[in-house]
Amino acid sequence: MEKREATTVFGEWAELGKDEKMAQGHESAVGNMLDAVLKNHADYRFIDAGCGNGWVVRMVKQRKECKAAFGVDGSKNMVEKAQRIDPSGTYLHTDLMTWIPTEKVDIVHAMEVVYYLNNPELFIKSVYNDWLNKNGQLVIGIDFYTENTVSHSWPDDCGISEMRLFSEEEWVSFFNAAGFKSVKSWRVDPKEGWAGTLVVIGTV
């Protein structure tokens, strides 16, 4: 299979409706991530980095503690679909490696996104420096990591050219190197043959 950029592949998935199946598959892990982070903030502004069709943004916007929630994604087709589903929402097509929000937020969430970027460690440092307010938090969910051996074939299976494989310890080290405090990691829904979704969270 010819390998292409993730944004190209996911753009096609948006047209084919595969994004809805992705959302369903990630629902449990995202629920766990949101439970872990939203409880720490009375009023908050929220960014979903790699928002896909906007399903997480729509979920978070419904909470009364949320003052603003918006999504950014590298796939134009995904962003356009999010805007069709949620015309009043804010969704931006942009390069996550270079984009900086005009106003810092309290929570940045990223599910199954960061390992597609060309420099995940630099992205995490950028979120720490340029995206988050004091006491703000970054939470990421990852299925493609060293300990989850069943995932190692995904670059070939999905035909995606750039997927960066790191261990749980390495992901935690990226947070620590960026300056995050109280860095924690855990796995959601592990079972036989599946190490679970790796979650990492840190506080500015």
Protein backbone atom coordinates (compact mmCIF):
# COMPACT_ATOMS: atom_id res chain seq x y z
CA MET A 1 0.00 0.00 0.00
CA GLU A 2 1.25 3.45 -0.91
CA LYS A 3 1.83 5.56 2.19
CA ARG A 4 0.51 9.12 2.42
CA GLU A 5 0.29 11.89 4.97
CA ALA A 6 -2.14 11.34 7.82
CA THR A 7 -4.13 14.47 6.97
CA THR A 8 -4.74 13.13 3.46
CA VAL A 9 -5.86 9.72 4.71
CA PHE A 10 -8.14 11.18 7.38
CA GLY A 11 -9.57 13.64 4.89
CA GLU A 12 -10.71 10.68 2.82
CA TRP A 13 -12.07 8.98 5.94
CA ALA A 14 -14.20 12.07 6.62
CA GLU A 15 -15.73 11.77 3.15
CA LEU A 16 -16.36 8.04 3.66
CA GLY A 17 -17.91 8.47 7.10
CA LYS A 18 -15.15 6.55 8.88
CA ASP A 19 -14.73 9.47 11.29
CA GLU A 20 -17.94 8.44 13.07
CA LYS A 21 -16.54 4.96 13.71
CA MET A 22 -13.32 6.53 14.99
CA ALA A 23 -15.31 8.66 17.44
CA GLN A 24 -17.20 5.60 18.68
CA GLY A 25 -13.97 3.67 19.14
CA HIS A 26 -12.40 6.47 21.16
CA GLU A 27 -15.45 7.34 23.24
CA SER A 28 -14.46 5.37 26.35
CA ALA A 29 -10.88 6.68 26.45
CA VAL A 30 -11.95 10.27 25.79
CA GLY A 31 -14.55 10.04 28.53
CA ASN A 32 -11.82 8.91 30.91
CA MET A 33 -9.53 11.76 29.80
CA LEU A 34 -12.24 14.40 30.18
CA ASP A 35 -13.22 13.08 33.61
CA ALA A 36 -9.58 13.37 34.69
CA VAL A 37 -9.06 16.94 33.48
CA LEU A 38 -12.36 18.84 33.59
CA LYS A 39 -12.87 18.26 37.32
CA ASN A 40 -9.81 20.42 38.01
CA HIS A 41 -11.26 23.59 36.45
CA ALA A 42 -14.30 25.59 37.60
CA ASP A 43 -14.49 27.75 34.47
CA TYR A 44 -12.37 26.92 31.48
CA ARG A 45 -11.49 27.51 27.86
CA PHE A 46 -10.82 24.31 25.92
CA ILE A 47 -8.99 23.35 22.72
CA ASP A 48 -9.28 19.97 21.04
CA ALA A 49 -6.05 19.57 19.06
CA GLY A 50 -6.76 17.26 16.15
CA CYS A 51 -10.50 17.70 16.54
CA GLY A 52 -11.61 15.57 13.59
CA ASN A 53 -15.33 16.08 13.01
CA GLY A 54 -15.63 18.10 16.24
CA TRP A 55 -17.37 15.49 18.39
CA VAL A 56 -15.28 16.21 21.50
CA VAL A 57 -15.75 19.98 21.15
CA ARG A 58 -19.51 19.50 20.89
CA MET A 59 -19.49 17.31 23.99
CA VAL A 60 -17.45 19.76 26.07
CA LYS A 61 -19.47 22.80 24.96
CA GLN A 62 -22.53 21.34 26.64
CA ARG A 63 -20.98 21.61 30.10
CA LYS A 64 -21.96 24.69 32.05
CA GLU A 65 -18.40 25.20 33.33
CA CYS A 66 -17.12 25.58 29.76
CA LYS A 67 -16.67 29.20 28.71
CA ALA A 68 -15.36 28.39 25.24
CA ALA A 69 -14.39 25.27 23.29
CA PHE A 70 -12.98 25.04 19.82
CA GLY A 71 -11.12 22.61 17.61
CA VAL A 72 -8.09 22.67 15.34
CA ASP A 73 -7.11 20.00 12.83
CA GLY A 74 -4.68 19.47 9.98
CA SER A 75 -7.33 17.90 7.73
CA LYS A 76 -9.37 20.43 5.78
CA ASN A 77 -12.10 17.86 5.11
CA MET A 78 -12.46 17.07 8.82
CA VAL A 79 -12.73 20.76 9.73
CA GLU A 80 -15.30 21.38 7.02
CA LYS A 81 -17.34 18.42 8.27
CA ALA A 82 -17.15 19.73 11.86
CA GLN A 83 -18.42 23.10 10.69
CA ARG A 84 -21.29 21.50 8.76
CA ILE A 85 -22.35 19.51 11.82
CA ASP A 86 -21.91 22.46 14.19
CA PRO A 87 -22.31 25.73 12.24
CA SER A 88 -22.09 27.84 15.38
CA GLY A 89 -18.86 26.16 16.52
CA THR A 90 -15.30 27.32 15.98
CA TYR A 91 -13.06 24.95 14.02
CA LEU A 92 -9.78 25.86 12.35
CA HIS A 93 -7.80 24.10 9.65
CA THR A 94 -4.16 24.59 10.56
CA ASP A 95 -0.75 22.99 11.06
CA LEU A 96 -0.60 22.01 14.74
CA MET A 97 3.18 22.26 14.72
CA THR A 98 3.22 25.96 13.89
CA TRP A 99 -0.14 27.32 15.06
CA ILE A 100 -0.40 29.34 18.28
CA PRO A 101 -3.77 30.42 19.74
CA THR A 102 -4.42 34.15 19.98
CA GLU A 103 -5.52 33.65 23.58
CA LYS A 104 -4.25 30.99 25.96
CA VAL A 105 -6.67 28.38 27.30
CA ASP A 106 -7.03 26.21 30.38
CA ILE A 107 -7.24 22.75 28.82
CA VAL A 108 -5.75 21.21 25.68
CA HIS A 109 -7.01 17.75 24.74
CA ALA A 110 -5.53 15.56 21.99
CA MET A 111 -6.80 12.05 21.25
CA GLU A 112 -4.85 9.91 18.78
CA VAL A 113 -3.12 12.90 17.20
CA VAL A 114 0.29 13.75 18.58
CA TYR A 115 2.27 10.82 17.16
CA TYR A 116 1.30 11.86 13.62
CA LEU A 117 3.11 15.20 14.04
CA ASN A 118 6.66 15.50 12.74
CA ASN A 119 8.02 16.45 16.18
CA PRO A 120 5.74 15.44 19.07
CA GLU A 121 8.21 16.61 21.71
CA LEU A 122 8.35 20.08 20.17
CA PHE A 123 4.55 20.23 19.95
CA ILE A 124 4.22 19.39 23.65
CA LYS A 125 6.73 22.13 24.48
CA SER A 126 4.78 24.60 22.31
CA VAL A 127 1.55 23.76 24.14
CA TYR A 128 3.30 24.38 27.44
CA ASN A 129 4.83 27.69 26.33
CA ASP A 130 2.19 29.16 24.05
CA TRP A 131 -1.21 27.48 24.47
CA LEU A 132 -1.90 27.10 28.18
CA ASN A 133 -2.60 29.49 31.03
CA LYS A 134 -0.94 29.08 34.42
CA ASN A 135 -2.35 25.89 36.02
CA GLY A 136 -3.61 24.83 32.60
CA GLN A 137 -3.43 21.17 31.60
CA LEU A 138 -2.56 19.10 28.56
CA VAL A 139 -4.05 15.62 28.29
CA ILE A 140 -3.25 13.28 25.39
CA GLY A 141 -4.49 9.81 24.47
CA ILE A 142 -2.34 7.42 22.42
CA ASP A 143 -3.02 3.95 21.04
CA PHE A 144 0.16 3.71 18.93
CA TYR A 145 3.00 3.22 21.42
CA THR A 146 5.77 0.72 22.07
CA GLU A 147 4.05 -1.36 24.72
CA ASN A 148 0.90 -1.78 22.59
CA THR A 149 2.53 -4.19 20.17
CA VAL A 150 -0.62 -4.86 18.18
CA SER A 151 -0.47 -1.27 16.94
CA HIS A 152 2.99 -1.52 15.40
CA SER A 153 1.63 -2.58 12.01
CA TRP A 154 -0.68 0.43 11.69
CA PRO A 155 1.57 2.56 9.43
CA ASP A 156 1.44 -0.25 6.86
CA ASP A 157 -2.18 -1.21 7.55
CA CYS A 158 -3.45 2.37 7.18
CA GLY A 159 -0.97 3.51 4.54
CA ILE A 160 0.24 6.47 6.62
CA SER A 161 3.76 7.69 6.02
CA GLU A 162 4.60 9.31 9.35
CA MET A 163 3.72 7.74 12.70
CA ARG A 164 6.22 8.10 15.53
CA LEU A 165 6.50 5.20 17.93
CA PHE A 166 7.55 5.96 21.52
CA SER A 167 7.25 4.15 24.83
CA GLU A 168 5.11 5.26 27.75
CA GLU A 169 8.28 6.37 29.54
CA GLU A 170 9.33 8.48 26.55
CA TRP A 171 5.94 10.21 26.33
CA VAL A 172 6.12 11.06 30.02
CA SER A 173 9.66 12.36 29.52
CA PHE A 174 8.43 14.75 26.80
CA PHE A 175 5.99 16.31 29.28
CA ASN A 176 8.66 16.60 31.95
CA ALA A 177 11.20 18.10 29.54
CA ALA A 178 8.66 20.73 28.44
CA GLY A 179 8.25 21.85 32.05
CA PHE A 180 4.91 20.26 32.97
CA LYS A 181 4.32 19.49 36.64
CA SER A 182 2.44 16.59 38.23
CA VAL A 183 2.86 14.47 35.10
CA LYS A 184 0.89 11.23 35.28
CA SER A 185 0.21 8.36 32.88
CA TRP A 186 -2.19 5.43 32.87
CA ARG A 187 -3.92 3.09 30.44
CA VAL A 188 -7.63 2.88 29.69
CA ASP A 189 -9.46 -0.36 28.87
CA PRO A 190 -6.54 -2.79 28.57
CA LYS A 191 -7.42 -6.36 27.63
CA GLU A 192 -5.74 -9.44 26.23
CA GLY A 193 -3.84 -8.46 23.09
CA TRP A 194 -4.44 -4.74 23.68
CA ALA A 195 -2.36 -2.68 26.14
CA GLY A 196 -5.06 -0.02 26.37
CA THR A 197 -5.13 3.65 25.43
CA LEU A 198 -2.15 5.41 26.99
CA VAL A 199 -3.16 8.68 28.69
CA VAL A 200 -0.61 11.30 29.76
CA ILE A 201 -1.53 14.49 31.62
CA GLY A 202 0.52 17.41 32.94
CA THR A 203 -0.06 20.83 34.51
CA VAL A 204 1.60 24.17 33.72
